[in-house]
Each structure stands twice: as structure tokens, then as C-alpha cells.
């Protein structure tokens, strides 16, 4: 038994915690608020709530609201220039994982010369060391899916190269996270499903990864169980605070476990898909390939005991075979109303699959090596083909 556990983020969890932000010792006097290009944080008053808290705390702010569904290198570079010109000394990511991921990346480039791709690892990125102190990040999540509020990772797309790469290190953990389920009640049912299943796949991949350990297993199984217990309830009734809280905790736990274990080829292949199709929401891409991926893992027989565990955690008490998890997953997707989405709905074609696999292996090779058996190109192609509709 060997592991390293390091999750330094202070987390404020629970209904009403957003209203307590002003009581915290914030890491600076002027914040760059990073949020999405959509209008939800404004429409539902979340941006106003944050501004009220900053005013009470005597903290100045500048708003940068251009983050896309899949945050881009180009957006990060623009945000970093605003942070520099405005003399911001910390960043607040307000919104979903995209806003929080972009905040971490902006924090790097705002204090280090050059381009974001100078510091990322994988693909065409240059993997230079981050020499200067980065701007600290406060993460305020309004969705339950990525767990980015509790880990060091950020996933950024490069529109020029069609790459989508994950990166992070010890200094990119948020210093403070607010996980308030009352900020999630406005998320539409279908988006609740997309995000909740993203959290599920973080946990299931972390659990079957060969890098799993005793600590990550605790987080993974609890996260899976919370999704199984409450995701359908949250989809059907967005105002159910208990259900929202369960899914929010599942997401935060999935972020914590990803700081000490690894994702697998499922995420790498999705990043290949959404790298080519940036309009494809990350959770949707995972849903599209999930059944074929886990069916293949079941057939390999390399994580059978763990897949049975996941089936039980998802609610199949008498699970005896690894396919029990696959069947439970299919039923969960059906109950959440997302079992009929198709790749063709997003303009994805079969002819693109070789490029998807190439990008996946180029940009996320570590996730392939986290598998108990490294998947071949042919196996990846088969998973994609079996997912296509």
C-alpha cells in the first residue's frame, strides 16, 4: 500500500456557504472574476451575490466573462492580459468546471511570460517549468460535475492545433472552494445529467485505474453511491436541495480522488472528440462512449472485482458480474433522459475516428498507461465504432 495524499484546498461545503465568503481571508485585494460567456450566473443572480460578498470584504474586482464550454488557450491568453493590466492579485472562478479550469490557467500566464502552451505537457506543448508564483484561485462552483474546485487539474483546448490537454501541479489547487448546492438549483435537468455523469465517470475511472489506492477507493465508492442515490432525483426536481447536495459532494469527492489517482482512456478519447468538436459538451462526449468503453473493460476481465464493486455502489445490491455495472449505467442514463443522444447530432463522423485516437494518445498518453492494459488503436477504434449512432 503506497500513496501520496495532498489536497490543500480549503472547502466550504453546504447550503448558504456562498453568503459566508466575506468572512474568509481572501488571497488578495483585487480579483479577476472569471465566468462563462453564457448568461446563467447573471440571470440567476450568482454574480451579484459574489459582488456583494466582495464589497463587504472590501475587495475590488474586474469581470472576464468569455469562457466557452470547452475553455480555450486563446481565451486564457486574453484573460491573463486583463488580469495584468488591471493589477489583479487573485482570481475567482465562478461557474462550472470550464470557468474554474480557465481560472487556473489564467493564474499561470498572468505571472509568467510567454504562451500558455509553453507550460502545458503533452502534444505540441513545450513543458517549460512554471518559474514564477501563480495568482491564487478561489473556486465557486455552480455545477456538480468536474470536481475542479478540489483538484489541481485544468483542461484547455488549443483551437489552432485541435488539441485538448489536461495539466496541473501542486501550485494550481484552488486555495479556497465554495460548494453551495443552492447555486445549482437553476441547472436544467439535461445539464444536471451531463454534469452528474461526468462526476460519475471521474470516480469510476479512478476506481478501475491501476493507480487506484486505498484512499482514492474511499472517495470513489462514496461518490458513485451518492450519484446512484440522488442524480435521478436532482434531474427530476432541481429544487431538491438534499439531492443537489449529494451530487455536489459526489463531484467534489471525484475531484479529490483525481489528485491522487488517474483518469483512464475513456476521458482521453472524449478529449479527442471534443478537441475536434469544441461545441461538444464534455459530459455528453463521455456519455456517448461510456457504454462501449465499460463493456470492453468488462470483457477484458482485468478489473472484474472492481466493476462489481461499482455496480453495488450504483445500487445493484446483488451484483455478481462486471456487466452488472454496465447494465446499471444504461439504466441510469435512461432514467436521466440521456440514453438516446448520438454522435451524429454533433457532426461527428466515423471518418474522424483515426484522428480522435491519434489526438487521444498524443495528448493524454498517461491516461492510457493508467489502464490495467494499455488499449491498442484497434481497441479504441472498436469502442468508438460501437458508440456511433
Foldseek 3Di string as FASTA:
>chain_A
DDWDADFQAAEAAEAPVLLVVLVDDDPDQEEEEFEELDCLCVVVVVVVSNVVSSVSNNHHYDYDHHADLAGAQVSLVVSLVVCQVVVGQAYEQEEAQRSLLSRLLSQQPNFDDDGSLCCFDFDPRNNDDSDDQGRAYEYEYLAQAALLQGAFKHWHAYLVVLAIFIDGDDRRHHRYYYHHLVSNLPPALLVLLLRLVNLLLLLLQQLQFPQHDPVSVVLSLQLLLLSLVASLVCSVHSVPSVSSSSSNSSRNSSRSSCNIGHGALLQLLLSLVCSNQVVDRSSLSSLLLVLLVQVVVQVVVPRFVSLQSSLVSSPPVPRDTSCSNSVSSLVSCVSSPNNPDFPVVRVDDLVCLLSSLVSSCRRPVVNQVRHPHRDDSVSSSVSNVVSHD
